[in-house]
C-alpha atoms as a PDB file:
ATOM      1  CA  MET A   1       0.085  -0.006  -0.066  1.00  0.00           C
ATOM      2  CA  ASN A   2       1.443   3.464  -1.040  1.00  0.00           C
ATOM      3  CA  ARG A   3       2.192   6.055   1.479  1.00  0.00           C
ATOM      4  CA  ARG A   4       1.255   9.729   1.755  1.00  0.00           C
ATOM      5  CA  HIS A   5       2.847  12.514   3.733  1.00  0.00           C
ATOM      6  CA  LEU A   6       0.811  14.519   6.269  1.00  0.00           C
ATOM      7  CA  GLY A   7       1.838  17.961   7.272  1.00  0.00           C
ATOM      8  CA  SER A   8       5.525  18.745   7.489  1.00  0.00           C
ATOM      9  CA  GLY A   9       6.436  15.452   5.678  1.00  0.00           C
ATOM     10  CA  GLN A  10       7.600  13.455   8.757  1.00  0.00           C
ATOM     11  CA  LEU A  11       4.258  11.745   9.166  1.00  0.00           C
ATOM     12  CA  LEU A  12       4.096   9.047   6.561  1.00  0.00           C
ATOM     13  CA  VAL A  13       0.798   7.096   6.543  1.00  0.00           C
ATOM     14  CA  SER A  14      -0.794   4.566   4.135  1.00  0.00           C
ATOM     15  CA  SER A  15      -2.782   6.111   1.501  1.00  0.00           C
ATOM     16  CA  LEU A  16      -5.956   4.378   2.957  1.00  0.00           C
ATOM     17  CA  GLY A  17      -6.473   4.539   6.640  1.00  0.00           C
ATOM     18  CA  LEU A  18      -8.774   2.400   8.808  1.00  0.00           C
ATOM     19  CA  GLY A  19     -11.480   4.025  11.027  1.00  0.00           C
ATOM     20  CA  CYS A  20     -12.128   1.937  14.057  1.00  0.00           C
ATOM     21  CA  MET A  21     -15.175   3.777  15.597  1.00  0.00           C
ATOM     22  CA  GLY A  22     -17.834   1.479  14.356  1.00  0.00           C
ATOM     23  CA  MET A  23     -15.961  -1.526  15.910  1.00  0.00           C
ATOM     24  CA  SER A  24     -17.217  -0.476  19.338  1.00  0.00           C
ATOM     25  CA  GLU A  25     -20.252   1.686  19.075  1.00  0.00           C
ATOM     26  CA  PHE A  26     -22.822   3.659  16.898  1.00  0.00           C
ATOM     27  CA  TYR A  27     -23.231   1.252  13.923  1.00  0.00           C
ATOM     28  CA  GLY A  28     -25.138  -1.647  15.593  1.00  0.00           C
ATOM     29  CA  ALA A  29     -23.746  -4.982  16.864  1.00  0.00           C
ATOM     30  CA  TYR A  30     -20.011  -5.481  17.055  1.00  0.00           C
ATOM     31  CA  ASP A  31     -17.566  -8.406  17.634  1.00  0.00           C
ATOM     32  CA  ASP A  32     -14.178  -7.606  19.297  1.00  0.00           C
ATOM     33  CA  ALA A  33     -12.560 -10.723  17.840  1.00  0.00           C
ATOM     34  CA  GLU A  34     -13.832 -10.048  14.325  1.00  0.00           C
ATOM     35  CA  SER A  35     -12.730  -6.448  14.572  1.00  0.00           C
ATOM     36  CA  ILE A  36      -9.232  -7.491  15.712  1.00  0.00           C
ATOM     37  CA  ARG A  37      -9.091  -9.815  12.643  1.00  0.00           C
ATOM     38  CA  VAL A  38     -10.035  -6.840  10.456  1.00  0.00           C
ATOM     39  CA  ILE A  39      -7.302  -4.601  11.861  1.00  0.00           C
ATOM     40  CA  HIS A  40      -4.772  -7.484  11.424  1.00  0.00           C
ATOM     41  CA  ALA A  41      -5.872  -8.121   7.929  1.00  0.00           C
ATOM     42  CA  TYR A  42      -5.424  -4.215   7.177  1.00  0.00           C
ATOM     43  CA  LEU A  43      -1.921  -4.258   8.579  1.00  0.00           C
ATOM     44  CA  ASP A  44      -1.006  -7.382   6.712  1.00  0.00           C
ATOM     45  CA  ALA A  45      -2.185  -5.572   3.532  1.00  0.00           C
ATOM     46  CA  GLY A  46       0.376  -2.926   4.071  1.00  0.00           C
ATOM     47  CA  GLY A  47      -1.949  -0.409   5.828  1.00  0.00           C
ATOM     48  CA  ASN A  48      -0.421   1.448   8.914  1.00  0.00           C
ATOM     49  CA  PHE A  49      -2.876   4.132   9.730  1.00  0.00           C
ATOM     50  CA  LEU A  50      -5.406   3.411  12.532  1.00  0.00           C
ATOM     51  CA  ASP A  51      -7.923   5.921  13.790  1.00  0.00           C
ATOM     52  CA  THR A  52      -9.731   5.908  17.122  1.00  0.00           C
ATOM     53  CA  ALA A  53     -10.884   8.305  19.799  1.00  0.00           C
ATOM     54  CA  ASP A  54     -11.350   8.274  23.465  1.00  0.00           C
ATOM     55  CA  MET A  55     -15.145   8.860  23.138  1.00  0.00           C
ATOM     56  CA  TYR A  56     -15.675   5.804  20.823  1.00  0.00           C
ATOM     57  CA  GLY A  57     -17.238   3.230  23.048  1.00  0.00           C
ATOM     58  CA  ASN A  58     -16.255   5.417  25.965  1.00  0.00           C
ATOM     59  CA  GLY A  59     -12.810   4.098  25.844  1.00  0.00           C
ATOM     60  CA  ARG A  60     -13.407   0.596  24.710  1.00  0.00           C
ATOM     61  CA  ASN A  61     -12.282   1.396  21.207  1.00  0.00           C
ATOM     62  CA  GLU A  62      -8.852   2.425  22.314  1.00  0.00           C
ATOM     63  CA  GLU A  63      -8.601  -0.676  24.356  1.00  0.00           C
ATOM     64  CA  LEU A  64      -9.598  -2.791  21.441  1.00  0.00           C
ATOM     65  CA  VAL A  65      -6.967  -1.031  19.194  1.00  0.00           C
ATOM     66  CA  GLY A  66      -4.334  -1.607  21.908  1.00  0.00           C
ATOM     67  CA  LYS A  67      -5.000  -5.228  21.959  1.00  0.00           C
ATOM     68  CA  ALA A  68      -4.833  -5.492  18.077  1.00  0.00           C
ATOM     69  CA  ILE A  69      -1.509  -3.744  17.821  1.00  0.00           C
ATOM     70  CA  ALA A  70       0.227  -5.574  20.607  1.00  0.00           C
ATOM     71  CA  GLY A  71       3.448  -6.957  19.095  1.00  0.00           C
ATOM     72  CA  ARG A  72       2.911  -4.885  16.024  1.00  0.00           C
ATOM     73  CA  ARG A  73       3.582  -1.297  17.437  1.00  0.00           C
ATOM     74  CA  ASP A  74       6.500  -0.464  15.175  1.00  0.00           C
ATOM     75  CA  LYS A  75       4.308  -0.945  12.065  1.00  0.00           C
ATOM     76  CA  VAL A  76       1.436   1.245  13.158  1.00  0.00           C
ATOM     77  CA  ILE A  77       0.627   5.034  13.133  1.00  0.00           C
ATOM     78  CA  VAL A  78      -1.925   5.420  15.961  1.00  0.00           C
ATOM     79  CA  ALA A  79      -4.248   8.340  15.773  1.00  0.00           C
ATOM     80  CA  THR A  80      -6.674   9.201  18.592  1.00  0.00           C
ATOM     81  CA  LYS A  81      -8.639  12.142  19.754  1.00  0.00           C
ATOM     82  CA  PHE A  82      -9.840  14.007  22.854  1.00  0.00           C
ATOM     83  CA  GLY A  83     -12.428  16.686  23.403  1.00  0.00           C
ATOM     84  CA  VAL A  84     -15.807  15.083  23.370  1.00  0.00           C
ATOM     85  CA  SER A  85     -16.641  14.429  27.012  1.00  0.00           C
ATOM     86  CA  ARG A  86     -18.657  11.439  28.349  1.00  0.00           C
ATOM     87  CA  GLY A  87     -19.846  10.294  31.724  1.00  0.00           C
ATOM     88  CA  PRO A  88     -19.318   6.875  33.388  1.00  0.00           C
ATOM     89  CA  ASN A  89     -22.581   5.612  31.893  1.00  0.00           C
ATOM     90  CA  GLY A  90     -21.675   6.782  28.309  1.00  0.00           C
ATOM     91  CA  GLU A  91     -23.673   9.915  28.532  1.00  0.00           C
ATOM     92  CA  PHE A  92     -22.380  12.869  26.508  1.00  0.00           C
ATOM     93  CA  THR A  93     -21.479  15.772  28.801  1.00  0.00           C
ATOM     94  CA  GLY A  94     -20.088  18.249  26.298  1.00  0.00           C
ATOM     95  CA  VAL A  95     -16.879  19.458  24.621  1.00  0.00           C
ATOM     96  CA  ARG A  96     -13.706  20.251  26.713  1.00  0.00           C
ATOM     97  CA  GLY A  97     -10.410  21.830  25.583  1.00  0.00           C
ATOM     98  CA  ASP A  98      -8.963  23.198  28.883  1.00  0.00           C
ATOM     99  CA  ARG A  99      -5.327  22.449  29.744  1.00  0.00           C
ATOM    100  CA  LYS A 100      -6.094  20.089  32.594  1.00  0.00           C
ATOM    101  CA  TYR A 101      -8.534  18.085  30.531  1.00  0.00           C
ATOM    102  CA  VAL A 102      -6.098  17.659  27.680  1.00  0.00           C
ATOM    103  CA  THR A 103      -3.480  16.384  29.924  1.00  0.00           C
ATOM    104  CA  GLU A 104      -5.764  13.898  31.681  1.00  0.00           C
ATOM    105  CA  CYS A 105      -7.155  12.602  28.367  1.00  0.00           C
ATOM    106  CA  CYS A 106      -3.688  11.859  26.977  1.00  0.00           C
ATOM    107  CA  GLU A 107      -2.556   9.947  29.948  1.00  0.00           C
ATOM    108  CA  ALA A 108      -5.843   7.926  29.826  1.00  0.00           C
ATOM    109  CA  SER A 109      -5.602   7.241  26.236  1.00  0.00           C
ATOM    110  CA  LEU A 110      -1.958   6.009  26.590  1.00  0.00           C
ATOM    111  CA  ARG A 111      -3.146   3.536  29.284  1.00  0.00           C
ATOM    112  CA  ARG A 112      -5.936   2.197  27.304  1.00  0.00           C
ATOM    113  CA  LEU A 113      -3.803   1.813  24.089  1.00  0.00           C
ATOM    114  CA  LYS A 114      -0.963   0.396  26.135  1.00  0.00           C
ATOM    115  CA  ILE A 115       1.663   2.517  24.143  1.00  0.00           C
ATOM    116  CA  ASP A 116       4.171   5.110  25.332  1.00  0.00           C
ATOM    117  CA  THR A 117       3.509   7.642  22.547  1.00  0.00           C
ATOM    118  CA  ILE A 118       0.557   8.699  20.362  1.00  0.00           C
ATOM    119  CA  ASP A 119       1.607   9.267  16.833  1.00  0.00           C
ATOM    120  CA  LEU A 120      -1.078  11.721  15.940  1.00  0.00           C
ATOM    121  CA  TYR A 121      -3.233  13.443  18.690  1.00  0.00           C
ATOM    122  CA  TYR A 122      -6.353  15.359  17.484  1.00  0.00           C
ATOM    123  CA  GLN A 123      -8.543  17.784  19.261  1.00  0.00           C
ATOM    124  CA  HIS A 124     -11.991  16.067  18.289  1.00  0.00           C
ATOM    125  CA  ARG A 125     -14.176  19.151  18.567  1.00  0.00           C
ATOM    126  CA  VAL A 126     -13.244  22.738  19.363  1.00  0.00           C
ATOM    127  CA  ASP A 127     -14.348  23.918  22.770  1.00  0.00           C
ATOM    128  CA  PRO A 128     -16.087  27.401  22.209  1.00  0.00           C
ATOM    129  CA  THR A 129     -15.449  28.310  25.832  1.00  0.00           C
ATOM    130  CA  VAL A 130     -11.649  27.875  25.729  1.00  0.00           C
ATOM    131  CA  GLU A 131      -9.179  29.799  23.597  1.00  0.00           C
ATOM    132  CA  ILE A 132      -7.569  27.455  20.969  1.00  0.00           C
ATOM    133  CA  GLU A 133      -4.334  28.845  21.983  1.00  0.00           C
ATOM    134  CA  GLU A 134      -4.802  27.168  25.503  1.00  0.00           C
ATOM    135  CA  THR A 135      -5.700  23.776  23.945  1.00  0.00           C
ATOM    136  CA  VAL A 136      -3.046  23.658  21.463  1.00  0.00           C
ATOM    137  CA  GLY A 137      -0.611  24.934  23.900  1.00  0.00           C
ATOM    138  CA  ALA A 138      -1.280  22.063  26.195  1.00  0.00           C
ATOM    139  CA  MET A 139      -0.988  19.693  23.240  1.00  0.00           C
ATOM    140  CA  LYS A 140       2.430  21.227  22.502  1.00  0.00           C
ATOM    141  CA  ASP A 141       3.477  20.509  26.068  1.00  0.00           C
ATOM    142  CA  LEU A 142       2.543  16.813  25.412  1.00  0.00           C
ATOM    143  CA  LEU A 143       4.655  16.704  22.403  1.00  0.00           C
ATOM    144  CA  LYS A 144       7.582  18.200  24.313  1.00  0.00           C
ATOM    145  CA  ALA A 145       7.145  15.552  26.965  1.00  0.00           C
ATOM    146  CA  GLY A 146       7.192  12.806  24.389  1.00  0.00           C
ATOM    147  CA  LYS A 147       3.601  11.750  24.987  1.00  0.00           C
ATOM    148  CA  VAL A 148       2.544  12.518  21.463  1.00  0.00           C
ATOM    149  CA  LYS A 149       4.454  12.938  18.152  1.00  0.00           C
ATOM    150  CA  HIS A 150       2.152  15.064  15.912  1.00  0.00           C
ATOM    151  CA  LEU A 151      -0.783  17.351  16.479  1.00  0.00           C
ATOM    152  CA  GLY A 152      -4.198  17.481  14.691  1.00  0.00           C
ATOM    153  CA  LEU A 153      -7.469  19.192  14.760  1.00  0.00           C
ATOM    154  CA  SER A 154     -10.869  17.916  13.773  1.00  0.00           C
ATOM    155  CA  GLU A 155     -13.815  19.883  12.345  1.00  0.00           C
ATOM    156  CA  ALA A 156     -12.125  23.221  12.913  1.00  0.00           C
ATOM    157  CA  ALA A 157     -12.928  26.468  11.126  1.00  0.00           C
ATOM    158  CA  PRO A 158     -10.357  28.246   8.906  1.00  0.00           C
ATOM    159  CA  GLU A 159      -9.532  30.906  11.504  1.00  0.00           C
ATOM    160  CA  THR A 160      -9.263  28.378  14.321  1.00  0.00           C
ATOM    161  CA  ILE A 161      -6.773  26.513  12.251  1.00  0.00           C
ATOM    162  CA  ARG A 162      -4.661  29.543  11.639  1.00  0.00           C
ATOM    163  CA  ARG A 163      -4.652  30.526  15.222  1.00  0.00           C
ATOM    164  CA  ALA A 164      -3.814  26.952  16.347  1.00  0.00           C
ATOM    165  CA  TYR A 165      -0.872  26.791  13.772  1.00  0.00           C
ATOM    166  CA  LYS A 166       0.772  29.883  15.218  1.00  0.00           C
ATOM    167  CA  VAL A 167       1.076  28.067  18.531  1.00  0.00           C
ATOM    168  CA  HIS A 168       2.478  24.885  16.838  1.00  0.00           C
ATOM    169  CA  PRO A 169       2.313  23.356  13.392  1.00  0.00           C
ATOM    170  CA  ILE A 170      -0.619  21.205  12.876  1.00  0.00           C
ATOM    171  CA  ASP A 171       0.027  18.084  10.726  1.00  0.00           C
ATOM    172  CA  ALA A 172      -3.443  16.995  10.096  1.00  0.00           C
ATOM    173  CA  LEU A 173      -7.005  18.269  10.008  1.00  0.00           C
ATOM    174  CA  GLN A 174      -9.715  15.534  10.084  1.00  0.00           C
ATOM    175  CA  THR A 175     -13.085  16.538   8.712  1.00  0.00           C
ATOM    176  CA  GLU A 176     -15.919  14.666   7.006  1.00  0.00           C
ATOM    177  CA  TYR A 177     -15.427  14.454   3.183  1.00  0.00           C
ATOM    178  CA  SER A 178     -17.040  12.538   0.540  1.00  0.00           C
ATOM    179  CA  LEU A 179     -19.086  12.683  -2.614  1.00  0.00           C
ATOM    180  CA  TRP A 180     -22.036  13.950  -0.619  1.00  0.00           C
ATOM    181  CA  SER A 181     -19.969  16.128   1.979  1.00  0.00           C
ATOM    182  CA  ARG A 182     -17.954  18.493   0.131  1.00  0.00           C
ATOM    183  CA  GLU A 183     -18.373  21.643   2.147  1.00  0.00           C
ATOM    184  CA  CYS A 184     -14.747  21.766   3.187  1.00  0.00           C
ATOM    185  CA  GLU A 185     -13.636  22.317  -0.537  1.00  0.00           C
ATOM    186  CA  GLU A 186     -14.431  26.002  -0.453  1.00  0.00           C
ATOM    187  CA  GLU A 187     -12.826  27.349   2.650  1.00  0.00           C
ATOM    188  CA  ILE A 188     -10.939  24.515   4.414  1.00  0.00           C
ATOM    189  CA  PHE A 189      -8.771  23.048   1.493  1.00  0.00           C
ATOM    190  CA  PRO A 190      -7.284  26.497   0.687  1.00  0.00           C
ATOM    191  CA  VAL A 191      -6.061  26.789   4.227  1.00  0.00           C
ATOM    192  CA  THR A 192      -4.767  23.232   4.563  1.00  0.00           C
ATOM    193  CA  GLU A 193      -2.757  23.618   1.233  1.00  0.00           C
ATOM    194  CA  GLU A 194      -1.395  27.018   2.242  1.00  0.00           C
ATOM    195  CA  LEU A 195      -0.200  25.841   5.562  1.00  0.00           C
ATOM    196  CA  LYS A 196       0.828  22.386   4.199  1.00  0.00           C
ATOM    197  CA  ILE A 197      -1.524  20.470   6.555  1.00  0.00           C
ATOM    198  CA  GLY A 198      -2.484  16.989   5.592  1.00  0.00           C
ATOM    199  CA  PHE A 199      -6.249  16.364   5.236  1.00  0.00           C
ATOM    200  CA  VAL A 200      -7.824  13.161   6.840  1.00  0.00           C
ATOM    201  CA  ALA A 201     -11.176  12.491   5.216  1.00  0.00           C
ATOM    202  CA  TYR A 202     -13.571  10.585   7.699  1.00  0.00           C
ATOM    203  CA  SER A 203     -16.790   9.015   6.508  1.00  0.00           C
ATOM    204  CA  PRO A 204     -15.577   8.987   2.913  1.00  0.00           C
ATOM    205  CA  LEU A 205     -18.384   6.367   2.213  1.00  0.00           C
ATOM    206  CA  GLY A 206     -21.054   8.569   3.711  1.00  0.00           C
ATOM    207  CA  ARG A 207     -21.472   6.427   6.728  1.00  0.00           C
ATOM    208  CA  GLY A 208     -22.006   3.428   4.420  1.00  0.00           C
ATOM    209  CA  PHE A 209     -24.813   5.042   2.343  1.00  0.00           C
ATOM    210  CA  LEU A 210     -22.570   5.455  -0.740  1.00  0.00           C
ATOM    211  CA  THR A 211     -21.812   1.779  -0.822  1.00  0.00           C
ATOM    212  CA  GLY A 212     -25.376   1.119  -2.139  1.00  0.00           C
ATOM    213  CA  ALA A 213     -25.766  -1.532   0.613  1.00  0.00           C
ATOM    214  CA  ILE A 214     -28.383   0.481   2.475  1.00  0.00           C
ATOM    215  CA  LYS A 215     -31.616   0.529   0.621  1.00  0.00           C
ATOM    216  CA  SER A 216     -34.197   1.021   3.572  1.00  0.00           C
ATOM    217  CA  ILE A 217     -33.942   2.523   7.045  1.00  0.00           C
ATOM    218  CA  ASP A 218     -34.817  -0.996   8.195  1.00  0.00           C
ATOM    219  CA  ASP A 219     -31.499  -2.180   6.932  1.00  0.00           C
ATOM    220  CA  LEU A 220     -30.098  -0.501  10.066  1.00  0.00           C
ATOM    221  CA  ALA A 221     -30.253  -1.938  13.501  1.00  0.00           C
ATOM    222  CA  ALA A 222     -32.610  -0.370  16.060  1.00  0.00           C
ATOM    223  CA  ASP A 223     -29.805   1.262  18.000  1.00  0.00           C
ATOM    224  CA  ASP A 224     -27.815   2.231  14.821  1.00  0.00           C
ATOM    225  CA  TYR A 225     -26.731   6.150  15.168  1.00  0.00           C
ATOM    226  CA  ARG A 226     -27.570   6.636  11.551  1.00  0.00           C
ATOM    227  CA  ARG A 227     -31.282   6.377  12.263  1.00  0.00           C
ATOM    228  CA  PHE A 228     -30.928   9.808  13.763  1.00  0.00           C
ATOM    229  CA  SER A 229     -29.002  11.321  10.906  1.00  0.00           C
ATOM    230  CA  PRO A 230     -30.942  13.824   8.676  1.00  0.00           C
ATOM    231  CA  ARG A 231     -29.605  12.227   5.586  1.00  0.00           C
ATOM    232  CA  PHE A 232     -31.124   8.813   6.583  1.00  0.00           C
ATOM    233  CA  GLN A 233     -34.467  10.163   7.288  1.00  0.00           C
ATOM    234  CA  GLY A 234     -37.715  10.908   5.458  1.00  0.00           C
ATOM    235  CA  GLU A 235     -37.600  12.525   1.906  1.00  0.00           C
ATOM    236  CA  ASN A 236     -33.831  12.897   2.370  1.00  0.00           C
ATOM    237  CA  PHE A 237     -33.370   9.246   2.342  1.00  0.00           C
ATOM    238  CA  GLN A 238     -34.996   8.689  -1.027  1.00  0.00           C
ATOM    239  CA  LYS A 239     -33.363  11.710  -2.610  1.00  0.00           C
ATOM    240  CA  ASN A 240     -29.952  10.384  -1.383  1.00  0.00           C
ATOM    241  CA  LEU A 241     -30.850   6.895  -2.751  1.00  0.00           C
ATOM    242  CA  ASP A 242     -31.281   8.453  -6.168  1.00  0.00           C
ATOM    243  CA  LEU A 243     -27.708   9.976  -5.824  1.00  0.00           C
ATOM    244  CA  VAL A 244     -26.409   6.527  -5.003  1.00  0.00           C
ATOM    245  CA  ALA A 245     -28.094   5.103  -8.081  1.00  0.00           C
ATOM    246  CA  LYS A 246     -25.925   7.359 -10.144  1.00  0.00           C
ATOM    247  CA  ILE A 247     -22.805   6.205  -8.269  1.00  0.00           C
ATOM    248  CA  LYS A 248     -23.768   2.665  -9.017  1.00  0.00           C
ATOM    249  CA  GLU A 249     -24.227   3.340 -12.625  1.00  0.00           C
ATOM    250  CA  ILE A 250     -20.850   4.923 -13.028  1.00  0.00           C
ATOM    251  CA  ALA A 251     -19.074   2.337 -10.950  1.00  0.00           C
ATOM    252  CA  ALA A 252     -20.759  -0.557 -13.070  1.00  0.00           C
ATOM    253  CA  SER A 253     -19.480   1.087 -16.281  1.00  0.00           C
ATOM    254  CA  LYS A 254     -16.018   0.936 -14.797  1.00  0.00           C
ATOM    255  CA  LYS A 255     -16.418  -2.619 -13.525  1.00  0.00           C
ATOM    256  CA  ILE A 256     -15.884  -1.644  -9.919  1.00  0.00           C
ATOM    257  CA  THR A 257     -17.959  -1.297  -6.803  1.00  0.00           C
ATOM    258  CA  PRO A 258     -19.649   1.907  -5.658  1.00  0.00           C
ATOM    259  CA  SER A 259     -17.353   1.852  -2.713  1.00  0.00           C
ATOM    260  CA  GLN A 260     -14.280   1.681  -4.738  1.00  0.00           C
ATOM    261  CA  LEU A 261     -15.657   4.618  -6.953  1.00  0.00           C
ATOM    262  CA  ALA A 262     -16.291   6.863  -3.943  1.00  0.00           C
ATOM    263  CA  LEU A 263     -12.981   6.196  -2.360  1.00  0.00           C
ATOM    264  CA  ALA A 264     -11.173   6.465  -5.500  1.00  0.00           C
ATOM    265  CA  TRP A 265     -12.669   9.918  -5.950  1.00  0.00           C
ATOM    266  CA  VAL A 266     -11.473  11.049  -2.558  1.00  0.00           C
ATOM    267  CA  LEU A 267      -8.023   9.689  -3.243  1.00  0.00           C
ATOM    268  CA  ALA A 268      -7.826  11.541  -6.570  1.00  0.00           C
ATOM    269  CA  LYS A 269      -8.505  14.961  -5.138  1.00  0.00           C
ATOM    270  CA  SER A 270      -4.883  15.354  -3.863  1.00  0.00           C
ATOM    271  CA  ASN A 271      -2.029  13.344  -2.551  1.00  0.00           C
ATOM    272  CA  LYS A 272      -2.336  15.168   0.820  1.00  0.00           C
ATOM    273  CA  VAL A 273      -5.796  13.749   1.416  1.00  0.00           C
ATOM    274  CA  VAL A 274      -5.988  10.360   3.164  1.00  0.00           C
ATOM    275  CA  PRO A 275      -9.505   8.822   3.491  1.00  0.00           C
ATOM    276  CA  ILE A 276     -10.043   6.589   6.571  1.00  0.00           C
ATOM    277  CA  PRO A 277     -13.206   4.388   5.735  1.00  0.00           C
ATOM    278  CA  GLY A 278     -14.288   2.451   8.635  1.00  0.00           C
ATOM    279  CA  THR A 279     -15.379  -1.097   8.672  1.00  0.00           C
ATOM    280  CA  LYS A 280     -15.724  -4.083  11.100  1.00  0.00           C
ATOM    281  CA  ARG A 281     -16.114  -6.651   8.287  1.00  0.00           C
ATOM    282  CA  LEU A 282     -13.346  -8.367   6.333  1.00  0.00           C
ATOM    283  CA  ASP A 283     -15.155  -8.419   3.019  1.00  0.00           C
ATOM    284  CA  PHE A 284     -15.870  -4.716   3.208  1.00  0.00           C
ATOM    285  CA  LEU A 285     -12.153  -4.197   4.089  1.00  0.00           C
ATOM    286  CA  THR A 286     -11.071  -6.037   1.010  1.00  0.00           C
ATOM    287  CA  ASP A 287     -13.496  -4.142  -1.197  1.00  0.00           C
ATOM    288  CA  ASN A 288     -12.140  -0.784   0.190  1.00  0.00           C
ATOM    289  CA  ILE A 289      -8.569  -1.743  -0.353  1.00  0.00           C
ATOM    290  CA  GLY A 290      -9.489  -2.569  -3.975  1.00  0.00           C
ATOM    291  CA  ALA A 291     -10.064   1.243  -4.458  1.00  0.00           C
ATOM    292  CA  LEU A 292      -6.303   1.646  -4.484  1.00  0.00           C
ATOM    293  CA  ASN A 293      -6.128  -0.005  -7.795  1.00  0.00           C
ATOM    294  CA  VAL A 294      -8.693   2.351  -9.457  1.00  0.00           C
ATOM    295  CA  LYS A 295      -7.384   5.151 -11.546  1.00  0.00           C
ATOM    296  CA  LEU A 296      -9.840   7.771 -12.493  1.00  0.00           C
ATOM    297  CA  THR A 297      -9.232   9.965 -15.635  1.00  0.00           C
ATOM    298  CA  GLU A 298     -10.090  13.621 -15.843  1.00  0.00           C
ATOM    299  CA  ALA A 299     -13.061  12.582 -17.902  1.00  0.00           C
ATOM    300  CA  ASP A 300     -14.137  10.201 -15.077  1.00  0.00           C
ATOM    301  CA  LEU A 301     -13.913  12.880 -12.530  1.00  0.00           C
ATOM    302  CA  SER A 302     -15.837  15.314 -14.726  1.00  0.00           C
ATOM    303  CA  ASP A 303     -18.665  12.774 -15.145  1.00  0.00           C
ATOM    304  CA  ILE A 304     -18.819  12.126 -11.390  1.00  0.00           C
ATOM    305  CA  ASN A 305     -18.889  15.697 -10.560  1.00  0.00           C
ATOM    306  CA  ALA A 306     -21.661  16.205 -13.063  1.00  0.00           C
ATOM    307  CA  ALA A 307     -23.719  13.472 -11.580  1.00  0.00           C
ATOM    308  CA  LEU A 308     -23.052  14.436  -7.981  1.00  0.00           C
ATOM    309  CA  PRO A 309     -22.206  18.172  -7.860  1.00  0.00           C
ATOM    310  CA  SER A 310     -21.176  19.714  -4.538  1.00  0.00           C
ATOM    311  CA  GLY A 311     -24.253  20.257  -2.285  1.00  0.00           C
ATOM    312  CA  SER A 312     -26.180  17.440  -3.839  1.00  0.00           C
ATOM    313  CA  GLY A 313     -26.556  15.368  -0.726  1.00  0.00           C
ATOM    314  CA  ALA A 314     -30.044  15.955   0.931  1.00  0.00           C
ATOM    315  CA  GLY A 315     -30.093  16.908   4.604  1.00  0.00           C
ATOM    316  CA  GLU A 316     -27.517  18.065   7.146  1.00  0.00           C
ATOM    317  CA  ARG A 317     -24.730  15.638   7.896  1.00  0.00           C
ATOM    318  CA  TYR A 318     -25.464  15.711  11.609  1.00  0.00           C
ATOM    319  CA  PRO A 319     -28.470  16.495  13.845  1.00  0.00           C
ATOM    320  CA  GLU A 320     -29.063  20.002  14.679  1.00  0.00           C
ATOM    321  CA  GLN A 321     -27.349  19.915  18.039  1.00  0.00           C
ATOM    322  CA  SER A 322     -24.161  18.072  16.642  1.00  0.00           C
ATOM    323  CA  MET A 323     -23.975  20.567  13.784  1.00  0.00           C
ATOM    324  CA  LYS A 324     -23.299  23.310  16.396  1.00  0.00           C
ATOM    325  CA  ALA A 325     -20.069  21.722  17.282  1.00  0.00           C
ATOM    326  CA  VAL A 326     -18.486  21.656  13.886  1.00  0.00           C
ATOM    327  CA  ASN A 327     -16.688  24.292  11.924  1.00  0.00           C
ATOM    328  CA  LEU A 328     -15.621  26.254  15.082  1.00  0.00           C
END
């Protein structure tokens, strides 16, 4: 698997990362043993970039990743995040970015992951009550102490990114990006390109919708987070199914799967963009890795953009309350 540089160039990750969130929460039932097999298969295929966060499964996902990488630490770039606070029963209690919280979260993540250093440490969401300079200053201190190697932000606005960068260079910005979530192209991409910040695209398959596998809301488990997503509800669902039909048509013409087309499109945007599709199934992992063999021509990209122009996705990408925590 080829590698791509993030940020200053010292952070070298596989061109396709692996998002681990769904292995512990949000997307229905999960099986730790199967998830570990998926992680091992990804690493055996040449991947090295695992993405987790302290809030995924309220710490369980970091513990899972820690088990999976035991004995393989030197072959893995571990990225995790802090900032979304949860209580002992999993209840969401807000967003925090104060210095004390940053330090405590890092120590807890290191314990759960059973590693000495986090390769890439993100602020998961920006705390609007704390100056970004304080948060990144605390992250910088962790870097000086050898607790982390590289710093990242997630879902941060252009001005926030610039202010953070003045405290310490940011190597990666993680934001949702896919064929139906292209909002970052207009304001975020110019900033990351100017400051030479790598872009990590989460949910590049539209939380599974762009794969074509979801045909009805009943295809989702009763406790699946996506049931509460505006794009999976009411009229939006059908409108987005119509978009997926176009993806299927283009993919079929190239004899590839819709997932491979969607990932190849993200990969083609820039060699500084790294998608991190998540999966807890080996067959889906194999399908996703196949996208690395897909080469889209300029004509292909033009056809895709014509079929799914920016803004064509129906509905907000998060429920109203969650949208208030992005682009801050």
